[in-house]
Amino acid sequence: MINYNNKLFRPVSNTDNGETSSETLFLYKQFGNVLTSEYSGGKIKYGHIIGLVDEAGNIEMRYHQINDKGELMTGICISKPERSPGGKIRLHENWEWTSGDKSTGQSIIEEQ
């Protein structure tokens, strides 16, 4: 199992309907297979993740955030890890809003 504890991540790509950007910074914490994160930056005033990590390092998560319009947004996400050529963790994410337009998207975040 990958240990994500105290790792910082920043998005390197996102679909247009997403709110995270290269200005968003995530701090991951992990206790056993339980993962949490606080994040902010760019269009995100404040966000929080809670999730479960499986043996392969995949993360099933739920997120909620307040955006720069003052809206509360919620969603679900599955993240699959890979190692970048430089050895950093890169997470490929498939997500879906559970609020707003309920659209789906893909993003990639990378360890800083």
Protein backbone atom coordinates (compact mmCIF):
# COMPACT_ATOMS: atom_id res chain seq x y z
CA MET A 1 0.00 0.00 0.00
CA ILE A 2 1.26 3.47 -0.85
CA ASN A 3 1.55 5.73 2.18
CA TYR A 4 0.24 9.20 1.31
CA ASN A 5 0.82 10.65 4.79
CA ASN A 6 2.17 14.24 4.77
CA LYS A 7 2.47 14.32 0.98
CA LEU A 8 1.63 17.51 -0.93
CA PHE A 9 -0.10 17.30 -4.31
CA ARG A 10 -0.87 19.87 -6.99
CA PRO A 11 -3.05 19.42 -10.11
CA VAL A 12 -1.25 19.23 -13.44
CA SER A 13 -4.44 18.85 -15.51
CA ASN A 14 -8.21 19.00 -15.07
CA THR A 15 -11.26 19.04 -17.32
CA ASP A 16 -13.00 22.39 -17.82
CA ASN A 17 -15.89 21.57 -15.45
CA GLY A 18 -13.51 21.06 -12.52
CA GLU A 19 -12.59 23.73 -9.99
CA THR A 20 -9.02 22.74 -9.08
CA SER A 21 -6.02 24.22 -10.89
CA SER A 22 -2.26 24.46 -10.56
CA GLU A 23 -2.92 27.00 -7.77
CA THR A 24 -4.67 24.34 -5.63
CA LEU A 25 -2.54 22.56 -3.04
CA PHE A 26 -3.61 19.33 -1.27
CA LEU A 27 -2.02 18.07 1.97
CA TYR A 28 -2.74 14.34 2.39
CA LYS A 29 -2.83 12.56 5.74
CA GLN A 30 -3.15 8.79 6.11
CA PHE A 31 -3.89 6.61 9.13
CA GLY A 32 -3.93 2.91 8.18
CA ASN A 33 -6.11 2.81 5.08
CA VAL A 34 -8.01 6.03 5.96
CA LEU A 35 -6.98 9.11 3.97
CA THR A 36 -7.90 12.74 4.62
CA SER A 37 -6.86 15.97 2.98
CA GLU A 38 -7.37 19.68 3.35
CA TYR A 39 -6.93 21.80 0.24
CA SER A 40 -7.29 25.36 -1.05
CA GLY A 41 -6.08 27.68 -3.77
CA GLY A 42 -7.29 29.07 -7.06
CA LYS A 43 -11.09 28.81 -7.23
CA ILE A 44 -11.18 26.81 -3.96
CA LYS A 45 -11.50 28.74 -0.68
CA TYR A 46 -11.41 25.53 1.40
CA GLY A 47 -11.92 21.84 0.74
CA HIS A 48 -11.75 18.51 2.52
CA ILE A 49 -11.38 14.89 1.37
CA ILE A 50 -12.06 11.64 3.18
CA GLY A 51 -11.25 8.34 1.55
CA LEU A 52 -10.08 4.76 1.72
CA VAL A 53 -6.81 3.46 0.25
CA ASP A 54 -6.62 -0.12 -1.07
CA GLU A 55 -3.55 -2.38 -1.25
CA ALA A 56 -2.65 -1.08 -4.74
CA GLY A 57 -2.77 2.55 -3.57
CA ASN A 58 -6.09 3.35 -5.28
CA ILE A 59 -8.18 5.88 -3.37
CA GLU A 60 -11.97 5.92 -3.18
CA MET A 61 -12.91 9.34 -1.85
CA ARG A 62 -15.62 11.87 -1.15
CA TYR A 63 -14.93 15.60 -1.25
CA HIS A 64 -16.61 18.85 -0.35
CA GLN A 65 -15.41 22.37 -0.94
CA ILE A 66 -16.39 26.03 -0.87
CA ASN A 67 -15.54 27.75 -4.14
CA ASP A 68 -14.74 31.41 -4.83
CA LYS A 69 -18.45 32.05 -5.58
CA GLY A 70 -19.34 30.96 -2.03
CA GLU A 71 -20.98 27.72 -3.23
CA LEU A 72 -20.75 24.42 -1.36
CA MET A 73 -19.78 21.73 -3.88
CA THR A 74 -19.60 17.97 -3.26
CA GLY A 75 -18.38 14.98 -5.23
CA ILE A 76 -16.93 11.50 -5.45
CA CYS A 77 -13.62 10.42 -6.96
CA ILE A 78 -11.53 7.34 -7.72
CA SER A 79 -7.76 7.99 -7.89
CA LYS A 80 -5.28 5.53 -9.39
CA PRO A 81 -1.56 6.02 -8.68
CA GLU A 82 1.47 5.76 -10.93
CA ARG A 83 5.08 6.87 -10.53
CA SER A 84 6.26 9.73 -12.74
CA PRO A 85 9.61 9.35 -14.55
CA GLY A 86 11.12 11.36 -11.68
CA GLY A 87 9.73 8.94 -9.07
CA LYS A 88 6.93 11.16 -7.76
CA ILE A 89 3.40 9.85 -7.19
CA ARG A 90 0.95 10.91 -9.87
CA LEU A 91 -2.78 10.29 -9.29
CA HIS A 92 -5.14 9.81 -12.24
CA GLU A 93 -8.59 10.82 -11.06
CA ASN A 94 -12.08 10.14 -12.37
CA TRP A 95 -14.56 12.29 -10.48
CA GLU A 96 -18.22 13.23 -10.45
CA TRP A 97 -20.02 16.18 -8.91
CA THR A 98 -22.81 15.10 -6.56
CA SER A 99 -24.03 18.72 -6.45
CA GLY A 100 -24.51 21.33 -9.15
CA ASP A 101 -24.75 19.89 -12.66
CA LYS A 102 -23.62 16.39 -11.54
CA SER A 103 -21.14 16.24 -14.44
CA THR A 104 -18.02 14.04 -14.57
CA GLY A 105 -14.39 14.82 -15.27
CA GLN A 106 -10.79 13.68 -15.13
CA SER A 107 -7.78 15.24 -13.48
CA ILE A 108 -4.18 14.40 -12.69
CA ILE A 109 -2.45 15.56 -9.52
CA GLU A 110 1.23 15.12 -8.79
CA GLU A 111 3.33 14.94 -5.64
CA GLN A 112 5.28 18.12 -4.94
